[in-house]
Amino acid sequence: KNKSTPYPSYERLKAEREEDKPTLLFVFKDASGNIVKKDTKPVTRGLQRFHWDLRYTPQNPVDFSLPSYYNPFSSKKEGTLIAPGTYTVDMQLLKGGSTTHMAGPVTFEVKALDNTVMPAKDRADKVAFQKKIAALETDLEVIQYLNKEMNEKLKYIKEAIKLSDRPIESLFKQALAIEDALKDIRLELYGDPIKSSLDMDQKQSPATRLGIIGFEQKYSTAQPTQTHRDSYAIAKSQITAIKQKMEQLSKVQMKQLEEQLIQAGAPYTPGRGLRD
């Protein structure tokens, strides 16, 4: 038609390249309207299908790392099985941080198969107990991550203190004190590795105790035993106390040390702010 060939402007090209890819968001809810699972899928053409594993979403720390080899015995990141009952699912479009309702909600029934030898009499109580175990496992994993992160920070902090043009002794002693406290926490959490290597008796560690309960309960459909409930109570008390110590180290002592490094003009270390 003897017209100019249209060409998008810089602004349109920039917006297109920086645009957040849209995602389909499926939200599963129980009869009370509580969200039990969110699942995301890419937006693609054609008929698509996926299966919900009928489990809650685990609340473990976010981790994008992948193992360097295939381990068939490694545990899956999956939540507790839901209780039988009425559930709904609706589909939304997630784009640019906003959601748009697309379809649903669709109601469906989840029924328990009659294939268990000792089914729990109160399935809701069983699910609630398993969710408490999962929450405590999350607390344990948070402690593990914080311990690892703080040890990594201290590696850089100790080197920064050496490179600083300020006296070393005071700051270095604070770093060593935090390092020793982290060692004590690992000892409380896992037990004494030296005693283990020498086959010496010691009390069951909270990490081992929780690991046993979690392993025995993860795929069980039977009523929790009293031993499991008692053991959970012991692990809960121990891990809660350890988590409080870890939070004190992270939020108070480590922050104070990092602030002193900033004020002293020490070289930058990962995870702390910049000098004003």
C-alpha atoms as a PDB file:
ATOM      1  CA  LYS A   1       0.000   0.000   0.000  1.00  0.00           C
ATOM      2  CA  ASN A   2       3.061   2.244  -0.403  1.00  0.00           C
ATOM      3  CA  LYS A   3       3.277   2.785   3.386  1.00  0.00           C
ATOM      4  CA  SER A   4       6.347   2.783   5.623  1.00  0.00           C
ATOM      5  CA  THR A   5       7.295  -0.530   7.248  1.00  0.00           C
ATOM      6  CA  PRO A   6       6.494  -0.164  10.963  1.00  0.00           C
ATOM      7  CA  TYR A   7       9.362  -0.620  13.405  1.00  0.00           C
ATOM      8  CA  PRO A   8       8.929  -0.703  17.195  1.00  0.00           C
ATOM      9  CA  SER A   9      10.363   2.136  19.250  1.00  0.00           C
ATOM     10  CA  TYR A  10      13.208   1.732  21.730  1.00  0.00           C
ATOM     11  CA  GLU A  11      10.725   1.986  24.604  1.00  0.00           C
ATOM     12  CA  ARG A  12       8.631  -0.887  23.222  1.00  0.00           C
ATOM     13  CA  LEU A  13      11.681  -3.062  22.576  1.00  0.00           C
ATOM     14  CA  LYS A  14      13.045  -2.344  26.060  1.00  0.00           C
ATOM     15  CA  ALA A  15       9.694  -3.101  27.711  1.00  0.00           C
ATOM     16  CA  GLU A  16       9.414  -6.372  25.777  1.00  0.00           C
ATOM     17  CA  ARG A  17      12.897  -7.549  26.757  1.00  0.00           C
ATOM     18  CA  GLU A  18      12.444  -6.623  30.419  1.00  0.00           C
ATOM     19  CA  GLU A  19       8.907  -7.991  30.686  1.00  0.00           C
ATOM     20  CA  ASP A  20       8.387 -10.622  33.380  1.00  0.00           C
ATOM     21  CA  LYS A  21       7.199 -13.850  31.779  1.00  0.00           C
ATOM     22  CA  PRO A  22       3.567 -14.650  32.646  1.00  0.00           C
ATOM     23  CA  THR A  23       2.894 -17.772  34.710  1.00  0.00           C
ATOM     24  CA  LEU A  24      -0.214 -19.825  35.418  1.00  0.00           C
ATOM     25  CA  LEU A  25      -0.899 -20.078  39.147  1.00  0.00           C
ATOM     26  CA  PHE A  26      -3.112 -22.871  40.512  1.00  0.00           C
ATOM     27  CA  VAL A  27      -4.363 -22.351  44.076  1.00  0.00           C
ATOM     28  CA  PHE A  28      -5.728 -25.294  46.063  1.00  0.00           C
ATOM     29  CA  LYS A  29      -7.869 -24.613  49.156  1.00  0.00           C
ATOM     30  CA  ASP A  30      -9.578 -26.745  51.789  1.00  0.00           C
ATOM     31  CA  ALA A  31     -13.246 -26.539  52.800  1.00  0.00           C
ATOM     32  CA  SER A  32     -12.452 -23.666  55.210  1.00  0.00           C
ATOM     33  CA  GLY A  33     -10.832 -21.596  52.460  1.00  0.00           C
ATOM     34  CA  ASN A  34      -7.266 -22.108  53.700  1.00  0.00           C
ATOM     35  CA  ILE A  35      -4.598 -22.373  51.001  1.00  0.00           C
ATOM     36  CA  VAL A  36      -2.992 -25.806  51.164  1.00  0.00           C
ATOM     37  CA  LYS A  37      -0.977 -25.710  47.935  1.00  0.00           C
ATOM     38  CA  LYS A  38       0.118 -23.310  45.190  1.00  0.00           C
ATOM     39  CA  ASP A  39       1.500 -24.652  41.935  1.00  0.00           C
ATOM     40  CA  THR A  40       2.907 -22.685  38.989  1.00  0.00           C
ATOM     41  CA  LYS A  41       3.085 -23.730  35.353  1.00  0.00           C
ATOM     42  CA  PRO A  42       4.439 -21.947  32.263  1.00  0.00           C
ATOM     43  CA  VAL A  43       1.980 -20.413  29.812  1.00  0.00           C
ATOM     44  CA  THR A  44       2.010 -22.643  26.708  1.00  0.00           C
ATOM     45  CA  ARG A  45      -0.277 -23.425  23.779  1.00  0.00           C
ATOM     46  CA  GLY A  46      -2.553 -26.441  23.663  1.00  0.00           C
ATOM     47  CA  LEU A  47      -4.136 -28.742  26.226  1.00  0.00           C
ATOM     48  CA  GLN A  48      -2.012 -29.169  29.349  1.00  0.00           C
ATOM     49  CA  ARG A  49      -2.330 -31.513  32.323  1.00  0.00           C
ATOM     50  CA  PHE A  50      -0.612 -31.971  35.670  1.00  0.00           C
ATOM     51  CA  HIS A  51      -1.312 -33.971  38.827  1.00  0.00           C
ATOM     52  CA  TRP A  52      -1.373 -32.660  42.390  1.00  0.00           C
ATOM     53  CA  ASP A  53       0.411 -35.052  44.762  1.00  0.00           C
ATOM     54  CA  LEU A  54      -2.196 -34.295  47.482  1.00  0.00           C
ATOM     55  CA  ARG A  55       0.486 -32.851  49.766  1.00  0.00           C
ATOM     56  CA  TYR A  56       0.979 -29.511  51.480  1.00  0.00           C
ATOM     57  CA  THR A  57       3.744 -27.204  50.276  1.00  0.00           C
ATOM     58  CA  PRO A  58       6.891 -27.724  52.387  1.00  0.00           C
ATOM     59  CA  GLN A  59       8.221 -24.530  54.000  1.00  0.00           C
ATOM     60  CA  ASN A  60      11.904 -25.421  53.897  1.00  0.00           C
ATOM     61  CA  PRO A  61      14.449 -22.684  53.148  1.00  0.00           C
ATOM     62  CA  VAL A  62      14.685 -21.812  49.445  1.00  0.00           C
ATOM     63  CA  ASP A  63      17.613 -23.604  47.827  1.00  0.00           C
ATOM     64  CA  PHE A  64      18.440 -23.584  44.110  1.00  0.00           C
ATOM     65  CA  SER A  65      21.555 -25.738  44.389  1.00  0.00           C
ATOM     66  CA  LEU A  66      21.551 -29.110  42.645  1.00  0.00           C
ATOM     67  CA  PRO A  67      23.527 -32.227  43.616  1.00  0.00           C
ATOM     68  CA  SER A  68      26.536 -33.008  41.448  1.00  0.00           C
ATOM     69  CA  TYR A  69      25.428 -36.644  41.090  1.00  0.00           C
ATOM     70  CA  TYR A  70      22.246 -38.695  41.140  1.00  0.00           C
ATOM     71  CA  ASN A  71      21.435 -40.112  44.545  1.00  0.00           C
ATOM     72  CA  PRO A  72      18.475 -42.530  44.466  1.00  0.00           C
ATOM     73  CA  PHE A  73      18.305 -42.533  48.289  1.00  0.00           C
ATOM     74  CA  SER A  74      18.012 -38.754  48.751  1.00  0.00           C
ATOM     75  CA  SER A  75      14.735 -37.561  50.278  1.00  0.00           C
ATOM     76  CA  LYS A  76      12.203 -35.531  48.311  1.00  0.00           C
ATOM     77  CA  LYS A  77      11.147 -31.985  49.186  1.00  0.00           C
ATOM     78  CA  GLU A  78       7.484 -32.761  49.713  1.00  0.00           C
ATOM     79  CA  GLY A  79       4.960 -31.798  52.340  1.00  0.00           C
ATOM     80  CA  THR A  80       2.558 -33.796  54.498  1.00  0.00           C
ATOM     81  CA  LEU A  81      -0.364 -35.649  52.887  1.00  0.00           C
ATOM     82  CA  ILE A  82      -3.643 -33.750  53.206  1.00  0.00           C
ATOM     83  CA  ALA A  83      -6.651 -35.194  55.036  1.00  0.00           C
ATOM     84  CA  PRO A  84      -9.596 -36.559  53.031  1.00  0.00           C
ATOM     85  CA  GLY A  85     -12.274 -33.929  52.410  1.00  0.00           C
ATOM     86  CA  THR A  86     -13.570 -31.249  50.056  1.00  0.00           C
ATOM     87  CA  TYR A  87     -11.104 -29.041  48.204  1.00  0.00           C
ATOM     88  CA  THR A  88     -11.184 -26.422  45.468  1.00  0.00           C
ATOM     89  CA  VAL A  89      -8.752 -25.261  42.801  1.00  0.00           C
ATOM     90  CA  ASP A  90      -8.777 -22.109  40.692  1.00  0.00           C
ATOM     91  CA  MET A  91      -6.480 -20.874  37.945  1.00  0.00           C
ATOM     92  CA  GLN A  92      -4.916 -17.401  37.904  1.00  0.00           C
ATOM     93  CA  LEU A  93      -2.504 -15.577  35.608  1.00  0.00           C
ATOM     94  CA  LEU A  94       0.529 -14.144  37.394  1.00  0.00           C
ATOM     95  CA  LYS A  95       2.069 -11.287  35.425  1.00  0.00           C
ATOM     96  CA  GLY A  96       4.106  -8.325  36.602  1.00  0.00           C
ATOM     97  CA  GLY A  97       3.446  -9.155  40.236  1.00  0.00           C
ATOM     98  CA  SER A  98      -0.346  -9.059  39.805  1.00  0.00           C
ATOM     99  CA  THR A  99      -2.796 -11.950  39.492  1.00  0.00           C
ATOM    100  CA  THR A 100      -5.833 -12.171  37.208  1.00  0.00           C
ATOM    101  CA  HIS A 101      -8.535 -14.763  37.790  1.00  0.00           C
ATOM    102  CA  MET A 102      -8.837 -17.111  34.798  1.00  0.00           C
ATOM    103  CA  ALA A 103     -11.037 -20.061  35.779  1.00  0.00           C
ATOM    104  CA  GLY A 104     -12.664 -21.821  38.730  1.00  0.00           C
ATOM    105  CA  PRO A 105     -12.944 -22.498  41.525  1.00  0.00           C
ATOM    106  CA  VAL A 106     -13.642 -26.166  40.815  1.00  0.00           C
ATOM    107  CA  THR A 107     -14.682 -28.332  43.769  1.00  0.00           C
ATOM    108  CA  PHE A 108     -13.518 -31.927  44.161  1.00  0.00           C
ATOM    109  CA  GLU A 109     -13.446 -34.635  46.835  1.00  0.00           C
ATOM    110  CA  VAL A 110     -10.332 -36.360  48.150  1.00  0.00           C
ATOM    111  CA  LYS A 111     -11.037 -39.852  49.475  1.00  0.00           C
ATOM    112  CA  ALA A 112      -8.746 -42.242  51.331  1.00  0.00           C
ATOM    113  CA  LEU A 113      -8.073 -45.598  49.706  1.00  0.00           C
ATOM    114  CA  ASP A 114      -9.080 -48.620  51.763  1.00  0.00           C
ATOM    115  CA  ASN A 115      -5.622 -50.178  51.470  1.00  0.00           C
ATOM    116  CA  THR A 116      -3.988 -49.512  54.854  1.00  0.00           C
ATOM    117  CA  VAL A 117      -3.480 -52.073  57.602  1.00  0.00           C
ATOM    118  CA  MET A 118      -3.766 -49.675  60.548  1.00  0.00           C
ATOM    119  CA  PRO A 119      -5.501 -46.496  59.311  1.00  0.00           C
ATOM    120  CA  ALA A 120      -5.593 -43.542  61.708  1.00  0.00           C
ATOM    121  CA  LYS A 121      -8.946 -43.167  63.440  1.00  0.00           C
ATOM    122  CA  ASP A 122      -8.624 -39.382  63.458  1.00  0.00           C
ATOM    123  CA  ARG A 123      -7.012 -38.428  60.143  1.00  0.00           C
ATOM    124  CA  ALA A 124      -7.213 -34.692  60.850  1.00  0.00           C
ATOM    125  CA  ASP A 125      -5.274 -35.162  64.100  1.00  0.00           C
ATOM    126  CA  LYS A 126      -2.677 -37.254  62.295  1.00  0.00           C
ATOM    127  CA  VAL A 127      -2.195 -34.611  59.582  1.00  0.00           C
ATOM    128  CA  ALA A 128      -1.899 -31.902  62.253  1.00  0.00           C
ATOM    129  CA  PHE A 129       0.829 -33.915  64.029  1.00  0.00           C
ATOM    130  CA  GLN A 130       2.734 -34.478  60.786  1.00  0.00           C
ATOM    131  CA  LYS A 131       2.521 -30.752  59.990  1.00  0.00           C
ATOM    132  CA  LYS A 132       4.054 -29.991  63.401  1.00  0.00           C
ATOM    133  CA  ILE A 133       6.909 -32.366  62.591  1.00  0.00           C
ATOM    134  CA  ALA A 134       7.392 -30.660  59.209  1.00  0.00           C
ATOM    135  CA  ALA A 135       7.446 -27.222  60.881  1.00  0.00           C
ATOM    136  CA  LEU A 136      10.086 -28.383  63.374  1.00  0.00           C
ATOM    137  CA  GLU A 137      12.144 -29.879  60.519  1.00  0.00           C
ATOM    138  CA  THR A 138      11.994 -26.450  58.879  1.00  0.00           C
ATOM    139  CA  ASP A 139      13.282 -24.809  62.089  1.00  0.00           C
ATOM    140  CA  LEU A 140      16.135 -27.309  62.154  1.00  0.00           C
ATOM    141  CA  GLU A 141      17.012 -26.545  58.536  1.00  0.00           C
ATOM    142  CA  VAL A 142      16.930 -22.786  59.239  1.00  0.00           C
ATOM    143  CA  ILE A 143      19.441 -23.320  62.070  1.00  0.00           C
ATOM    144  CA  GLN A 144      21.653 -25.339  59.718  1.00  0.00           C
ATOM    145  CA  TYR A 145      21.531 -22.660  57.015  1.00  0.00           C
ATOM    146  CA  LEU A 146      22.228 -19.812  59.453  1.00  0.00           C
ATOM    147  CA  ASN A 147      25.138 -21.699  60.981  1.00  0.00           C
ATOM    148  CA  LYS A 148      26.651 -22.312  57.564  1.00  0.00           C
ATOM    149  CA  GLU A 149      26.060 -18.713  56.401  1.00  0.00           C
ATOM    150  CA  MET A 150      27.578 -17.215  59.546  1.00  0.00           C
ATOM    151  CA  ASN A 151      30.664 -19.442  59.344  1.00  0.00           C
ATOM    152  CA  GLU A 152      31.124 -18.329  55.743  1.00  0.00           C
ATOM    153  CA  LYS A 153      30.761 -14.686  56.802  1.00  0.00           C
ATOM    154  CA  LEU A 154      33.313 -15.122  59.575  1.00  0.00           C
ATOM    155  CA  LYS A 155      35.863 -16.418  57.086  1.00  0.00           C
ATOM    156  CA  TYR A 156      35.693 -13.080  55.245  1.00  0.00           C
ATOM    157  CA  ILE A 157      35.366 -11.012  58.423  1.00  0.00           C
ATOM    158  CA  LYS A 158      38.544 -12.394  59.986  1.00  0.00           C
ATOM    159  CA  GLU A 159      40.480 -11.622  56.810  1.00  0.00           C
ATOM    160  CA  ALA A 160      38.981  -8.102  56.643  1.00  0.00           C
ATOM    161  CA  ILE A 161      40.037  -7.453  60.247  1.00  0.00           C
ATOM    162  CA  LYS A 162      43.605  -8.424  59.356  1.00  0.00           C
ATOM    163  CA  LEU A 163      43.582  -6.060  56.355  1.00  0.00           C
ATOM    164  CA  SER A 164      42.071  -3.156  58.304  1.00  0.00           C
ATOM    165  CA  ASP A 165      44.307  -0.301  59.438  1.00  0.00           C
ATOM    166  CA  ARG A 166      42.791  -0.549  62.939  1.00  0.00           C
ATOM    167  CA  PRO A 167      44.010  -2.657  65.920  1.00  0.00           C
ATOM    168  CA  ILE A 168      43.156  -6.322  65.408  1.00  0.00           C
ATOM    169  CA  GLU A 169      42.714  -7.766  68.909  1.00  0.00           C
ATOM    170  CA  SER A 170      39.259  -6.519  69.981  1.00  0.00           C
ATOM    171  CA  LEU A 171      37.417  -7.258  66.726  1.00  0.00           C
ATOM    172  CA  PHE A 172      39.205 -10.573  66.190  1.00  0.00           C
ATOM    173  CA  LYS A 173      38.264 -11.798  69.675  1.00  0.00           C
ATOM    174  CA  GLN A 174      34.611 -10.991  68.951  1.00  0.00           C
ATOM    175  CA  ALA A 175      34.789 -12.976  65.709  1.00  0.00           C
ATOM    176  CA  LEU A 176      36.371 -15.945  67.493  1.00  0.00           C
ATOM    177  CA  ALA A 177      33.729 -15.792  70.239  1.00  0.00           C
ATOM    178  CA  ILE A 178      30.939 -16.046  67.630  1.00  0.00           C
ATOM    179  CA  GLU A 179      32.804 -18.880  65.912  1.00  0.00           C
ATOM    180  CA  ASP A 180      33.063 -20.793  69.217  1.00  0.00           C
ATOM    181  CA  ALA A 181      29.361 -20.224  69.908  1.00  0.00           C
ATOM    182  CA  LEU A 182      28.514 -21.684  66.494  1.00  0.00           C
ATOM    183  CA  LYS A 183      30.621 -24.759  67.307  1.00  0.00           C
ATOM    184  CA  ASP A 184      28.718 -25.179  70.594  1.00  0.00           C
ATOM    185  CA  ILE A 185      25.407 -24.994  68.730  1.00  0.00           C
ATOM    186  CA  ARG A 186      26.517 -27.708  66.297  1.00  0.00           C
ATOM    187  CA  LEU A 187      27.529 -29.812  69.291  1.00  0.00           C
ATOM    188  CA  GLU A 188      24.074 -29.365  70.874  1.00  0.00           C
ATOM    189  CA  LEU A 189      22.358 -30.113  67.588  1.00  0.00           C
ATOM    190  CA  TYR A 190      24.279 -33.178  66.405  1.00  0.00           C
ATOM    191  CA  GLY A 191      26.154 -34.469  69.457  1.00  0.00           C
ATOM    192  CA  ASP A 192      29.901 -34.836  69.990  1.00  0.00           C
ATOM    193  CA  PRO A 193      31.616 -36.151  66.819  1.00  0.00           C
ATOM    194  CA  ILE A 194      34.714 -37.163  68.799  1.00  0.00           C
ATOM    195  CA  LYS A 195      32.635 -39.334  71.126  1.00  0.00           C
ATOM    196  CA  SER A 196      30.912 -40.852  68.092  1.00  0.00           C
ATOM    197  CA  SER A 197      34.227 -41.690  66.454  1.00  0.00           C
ATOM    198  CA  LEU A 198      35.379 -43.334  69.712  1.00  0.00           C
ATOM    199  CA  ASP A 199      32.060 -45.219  70.059  1.00  0.00           C
ATOM    200  CA  MET A 200      31.346 -43.526  73.406  1.00  0.00           C
ATOM    201  CA  ASP A 201      27.782 -43.303  74.718  1.00  0.00           C
ATOM    202  CA  GLN A 202      26.007 -39.950  74.602  1.00  0.00           C
ATOM    203  CA  LYS A 203      22.428 -38.730  74.700  1.00  0.00           C
ATOM    204  CA  GLN A 204      20.443 -38.814  71.474  1.00  0.00           C
ATOM    205  CA  SER A 205      20.897 -35.504  69.649  1.00  0.00           C
ATOM    206  CA  PRO A 206      17.814 -33.432  68.707  1.00  0.00           C
ATOM    207  CA  ALA A 207      18.733 -33.686  64.991  1.00  0.00           C
ATOM    208  CA  THR A 208      18.867 -37.486  65.176  1.00  0.00           C
ATOM    209  CA  ARG A 209      15.676 -37.662  67.249  1.00  0.00           C
ATOM    210  CA  LEU A 210      13.739 -35.500  64.789  1.00  0.00           C
ATOM    211  CA  GLY A 211      15.191 -37.376  61.823  1.00  0.00           C
ATOM    212  CA  ILE A 212      13.883 -40.681  63.187  1.00  0.00           C
ATOM    213  CA  ILE A 213      10.390 -39.277  63.845  1.00  0.00           C
ATOM    214  CA  GLY A 214      10.241 -37.611  60.429  1.00  0.00           C
ATOM    215  CA  PHE A 215      11.379 -40.753  58.615  1.00  0.00           C
ATOM    216  CA  GLU A 216       8.887 -42.992  60.421  1.00  0.00           C
ATOM    217  CA  GLN A 217       5.982 -40.563  59.999  1.00  0.00           C
ATOM    218  CA  LYS A 218       6.523 -39.248  56.463  1.00  0.00           C
ATOM    219  CA  TYR A 219       4.616 -41.936  54.579  1.00  0.00           C
ATOM    220  CA  SER A 220       2.701 -43.437  57.481  1.00  0.00           C
ATOM    221  CA  THR A 221      -1.105 -43.448  57.482  1.00  0.00           C
ATOM    222  CA  ALA A 222      -1.382 -44.921  60.989  1.00  0.00           C
ATOM    223  CA  GLN A 223      -2.120 -43.036  64.185  1.00  0.00           C
ATOM    224  CA  PRO A 224       1.029 -41.476  65.745  1.00  0.00           C
ATOM    225  CA  THR A 225       2.360 -43.552  68.627  1.00  0.00           C
ATOM    226  CA  GLN A 226       2.800 -42.096  72.102  1.00  0.00           C
ATOM    227  CA  THR A 227       6.544 -42.618  71.697  1.00  0.00           C
ATOM    228  CA  HIS A 228       6.470 -40.365  68.631  1.00  0.00           C
ATOM    229  CA  ARG A 229       4.491 -37.702  70.472  1.00  0.00           C
ATOM    230  CA  ASP A 230       6.819 -37.802  73.506  1.00  0.00           C
ATOM    231  CA  SER A 231       9.928 -37.760  71.325  1.00  0.00           C
ATOM    232  CA  TYR A 232       8.545 -34.828  69.330  1.00  0.00           C
ATOM    233  CA  ALA A 233       7.959 -32.850  72.534  1.00  0.00           C
ATOM    234  CA  ILE A 234      11.598 -33.402  73.596  1.00  0.00           C
ATOM    235  CA  ALA A 235      12.944 -32.434  70.145  1.00  0.00           C
ATOM    236  CA  LYS A 236      10.661 -29.364  70.032  1.00  0.00           C
ATOM    237  CA  SER A 237      11.970 -28.091  73.375  1.00  0.00           C
ATOM    238  CA  GLN A 238      15.624 -28.635  72.425  1.00  0.00           C
ATOM    239  CA  ILE A 239      15.467 -27.228  68.886  1.00  0.00           C
ATOM    240  CA  THR A 240      13.445 -24.172  69.970  1.00  0.00           C
ATOM    241  CA  ALA A 241      16.098 -23.313  72.572  1.00  0.00           C
ATOM    242  CA  ILE A 242      18.911 -23.780  70.005  1.00  0.00           C
ATOM    243  CA  LYS A 243      17.068 -21.629  67.462  1.00  0.00           C
ATOM    244  CA  GLN A 244      16.803 -18.808  70.011  1.00  0.00           C
ATOM    245  CA  LYS A 245      20.568 -18.958  70.575  1.00  0.00           C
ATOM    246  CA  MET A 246      21.170 -18.871  66.834  1.00  0.00           C
ATOM    247  CA  GLU A 247      18.876 -15.875  66.364  1.00  0.00           C
ATOM    248  CA  GLN A 248      20.682 -14.045  69.170  1.00  0.00           C
ATOM    249  CA  LEU A 249      24.023 -14.685  67.470  1.00  0.00           C
ATOM    250  CA  SER A 250      22.735 -13.655  64.041  1.00  0.00           C
ATOM    251  CA  LYS A 251      20.602 -10.630  64.927  1.00  0.00           C
ATOM    252  CA  VAL A 252      22.665  -9.176  67.765  1.00  0.00           C
ATOM    253  CA  GLN A 253      26.289 -10.285  68.046  1.00  0.00           C
ATOM    254  CA  MET A 254      26.998 -10.667  64.326  1.00  0.00           C
ATOM    255  CA  LYS A 255      25.217  -7.392  63.497  1.00  0.00           C
ATOM    256  CA  GLN A 256      27.190  -5.567  66.187  1.00  0.00           C
ATOM    257  CA  LEU A 257      30.473  -6.936  64.840  1.00  0.00           C
ATOM    258  CA  GLU A 258      29.556  -5.989  61.268  1.00  0.00           C
ATOM    259  CA  GLU A 259      28.598  -2.478  62.397  1.00  0.00           C
ATOM    260  CA  GLN A 260      31.976  -2.083  64.089  1.00  0.00           C
ATOM    261  CA  LEU A 261      33.673  -3.205  60.866  1.00  0.00           C
ATOM    262  CA  ILE A 262      31.730  -0.562  58.938  1.00  0.00           C
ATOM    263  CA  GLN A 263      32.683   2.145  61.437  1.00  0.00           C
ATOM    264  CA  ALA A 264      36.314   1.024  61.336  1.00  0.00           C
ATOM    265  CA  GLY A 265      36.380   1.283  57.549  1.00  0.00           C
ATOM    266  CA  ALA A 266      37.334  -2.366  57.163  1.00  0.00           C
ATOM    267  CA  PRO A 267      37.190  -3.935  53.679  1.00  0.00           C
ATOM    268  CA  TYR A 268      33.724  -4.949  52.554  1.00  0.00           C
ATOM    269  CA  THR A 269      32.559  -8.448  53.505  1.00  0.00           C
ATOM    270  CA  PRO A 270      29.553 -10.289  51.997  1.00  0.00           C
ATOM    271  CA  GLY A 271      26.226  -9.772  53.696  1.00  0.00           C
ATOM    272  CA  ARG A 272      26.816  -6.465  55.484  1.00  0.00           C
ATOM    273  CA  GLY A 273      25.981  -2.881  54.622  1.00  0.00           C
ATOM    274  CA  LEU A 274      28.198  -0.091  53.369  1.00  0.00           C
ATOM    275  CA  ARG A 275      29.727   2.749  55.328  1.00  0.00           C
ATOM    276  CA  ASP A 276      27.709   5.990  55.307  1.00  0.00           C
END
